[in-house]
Protein backbone atom coordinates (compact mmCIF):
# COMPACT_ATOMS: atom_id res chain seq x y z
CA UNK A 1 47.10 -55.99 -2.81
CA UNK A 2 45.44 -54.41 0.18
CA UNK A 3 42.34 -52.28 0.00
CA UNK A 4 44.21 -49.15 1.12
CA UNK A 5 46.92 -49.57 -1.48
CA UNK A 6 44.32 -50.05 -4.21
CA UNK A 7 42.54 -46.87 -3.06
CA UNK A 8 45.80 -44.88 -3.05
CA UNK A 9 46.65 -46.09 -6.55
CA UNK A 10 43.17 -45.08 -7.69
CA UNK A 11 43.74 -41.57 -6.32
CA UNK A 12 47.00 -41.30 -8.26
CA UNK A 13 45.28 -42.45 -11.47
CA UNK A 14 42.52 -39.88 -10.94
CA UNK A 15 45.14 -37.14 -10.59
CA UNK A 16 46.56 -37.78 -14.04
CA UNK A 17 43.05 -37.66 -15.53
CA UNK A 18 41.95 -34.43 -13.80
CA UNK A 19 44.97 -32.21 -14.47
CA UNK A 20 48.25 -31.96 -16.35
CA UNK A 21 50.17 -34.35 -14.10
CA UNK A 22 52.07 -37.01 -16.03
CA UNK A 23 53.00 -39.10 -13.01
CA UNK A 24 52.71 -39.06 -9.25
CA UNK A 25 53.76 -40.89 -6.11
CA UNK A 26 53.11 -41.03 -2.41
CA UNK A 27 56.18 -41.37 -0.17
CA UNK A 28 56.81 -41.12 3.54
CA UNK A 29 58.80 -38.31 5.12
CA UNK A 30 61.35 -41.03 5.95
CA UNK A 31 61.91 -41.68 2.25
CA UNK A 32 59.93 -44.86 1.71
CA UNK A 33 57.77 -45.35 -1.37
CA UNK A 34 54.12 -46.07 -0.59
CA UNK A 35 52.81 -46.24 -4.18
CA UNK A 36 53.49 -44.56 -7.48
CA UNK A 37 52.57 -44.07 -11.09
CA UNK A 38 56.11 -42.99 -12.01
CA UNK A 39 57.66 -44.13 -15.27
CA UNK A 40 59.46 -47.46 -15.32
CA UNK A 41 62.80 -45.74 -15.92
CA UNK A 42 62.49 -43.90 -12.59
CA UNK A 43 64.42 -45.21 -9.61
CA UNK A 44 61.67 -45.12 -7.00
CA UNK A 45 64.02 -45.60 -4.06
CA UNK A 46 66.11 -42.59 -5.04
CA UNK A 47 63.07 -40.42 -5.80
CA UNK A 48 61.43 -41.20 -2.47
CA UNK A 49 64.63 -40.46 -0.52
CA UNK A 50 65.22 -37.19 -2.39
CA UNK A 51 61.61 -36.08 -1.95
CA UNK A 52 61.87 -36.65 1.79
CA UNK A 53 65.10 -34.61 1.87
CA UNK A 54 63.58 -31.76 -0.14
CA UNK A 55 60.52 -31.67 2.11
CA UNK A 56 62.70 -31.65 5.22
CA UNK A 57 64.82 -28.81 3.87
CA UNK A 58 61.68 -26.88 2.88
CA UNK A 59 60.35 -27.19 6.44
CA UNK A 60 63.63 -25.96 7.93
CA UNK A 61 63.90 -23.03 5.51
CA UNK A 62 60.28 -22.10 6.19
CA UNK A 63 60.96 -22.05 9.94
CA UNK A 64 64.18 -20.05 9.60
CA UNK A 65 62.58 -17.41 7.38
CA UNK A 66 59.35 -17.26 9.36
CA UNK A 67 57.30 -18.53 6.42
CA UNK A 68 55.83 -21.50 8.25
CA UNK A 69 55.28 -24.96 6.84
CA UNK A 70 55.54 -25.17 3.05
CA UNK A 71 52.24 -25.99 1.40
CA UNK A 72 53.83 -26.83 -1.93
CA UNK A 73 57.43 -27.05 -3.14
CA UNK A 74 57.84 -26.55 -6.88
CA UNK A 75 60.91 -27.47 -8.92
CA UNK A 76 60.54 -25.61 -12.18
CA UNK A 77 62.86 -27.59 -14.43
CA UNK A 78 63.74 -27.04 -18.07
CA UNK A 79 62.06 -30.33 -19.08
CA UNK A 80 59.36 -30.83 -16.41
CA UNK A 81 57.84 -29.29 -13.34
CA UNK A 82 57.98 -31.29 -10.12
CA UNK A 83 55.53 -30.50 -7.33
CA UNK A 84 55.78 -31.80 -3.76
CA UNK A 85 53.02 -31.47 -1.19
CA UNK A 86 53.74 -32.64 2.35
CA UNK A 87 51.03 -33.65 4.80
CA UNK A 88 51.47 -35.45 8.09
CA UNK A 89 54.06 -38.16 7.57
CA UNK A 90 53.50 -38.34 3.81
CA UNK A 91 54.51 -36.46 0.67
CA UNK A 92 52.57 -36.38 -2.59
CA UNK A 93 54.85 -35.88 -5.61
CA UNK A 94 53.72 -34.99 -9.11
CA UNK A 95 55.44 -34.30 -12.42
CA UNK A 96 53.95 -32.11 -15.11
CA UNK A 97 55.02 -30.71 -18.48
CA UNK A 98 56.64 -27.29 -18.52
CA UNK A 99 54.07 -24.46 -18.80
CA UNK A 100 51.31 -26.55 -17.20
CA UNK A 101 48.48 -24.90 -15.31
CA UNK A 102 50.05 -24.95 -11.84
CA UNK A 103 46.96 -23.47 -10.16
CA UNK A 104 44.76 -26.35 -11.35
CA UNK A 105 47.41 -28.89 -10.40
CA UNK A 106 47.71 -27.41 -6.90
CA UNK A 107 43.92 -27.50 -6.54
CA UNK A 108 43.77 -31.16 -7.56
CA UNK A 109 46.72 -32.03 -5.28
CA UNK A 110 44.88 -30.53 -2.29
CA UNK A 111 41.80 -32.59 -3.16
CA UNK A 112 43.94 -35.71 -3.55
CA UNK A 113 45.63 -35.09 -0.20
CA UNK A 114 42.24 -34.97 1.51
CA UNK A 115 41.29 -38.29 -0.09
CA UNK A 116 44.63 -39.83 0.87
CA UNK A 117 44.22 -38.69 4.49
CA UNK A 118 40.83 -40.42 4.63
CA UNK A 119 42.27 -43.66 3.28
CA UNK A 120 45.19 -43.54 5.74
CA UNK A 121 42.97 -42.35 8.61
CA UNK A 122 45.18 -39.28 9.21
């Protein structure tokens, strides 16, 4: 395991300890999984491809409506909340229980993104 990958995995572990996130992952905007703490029953290939598609659609909708780049995309599901944060060529995905403190999660995601950028030299 490379040093960078170990650092990224450490950032994901820290996220689950600092806020209500149950799992998280870092994927590229091209749909490739970088690392994750997703459950074993999750199909990482499918999740990474769908996250890239959602991010791409969010960017296009933001442009069309004059909203600019999306900071966070939230899927408020009946069972879980899914949060996507795009930055550069990467996307940070997190899942949280319904009725979680979204403000704290967003705060921790921003902090994690800054750490990830340092590791990836972005």
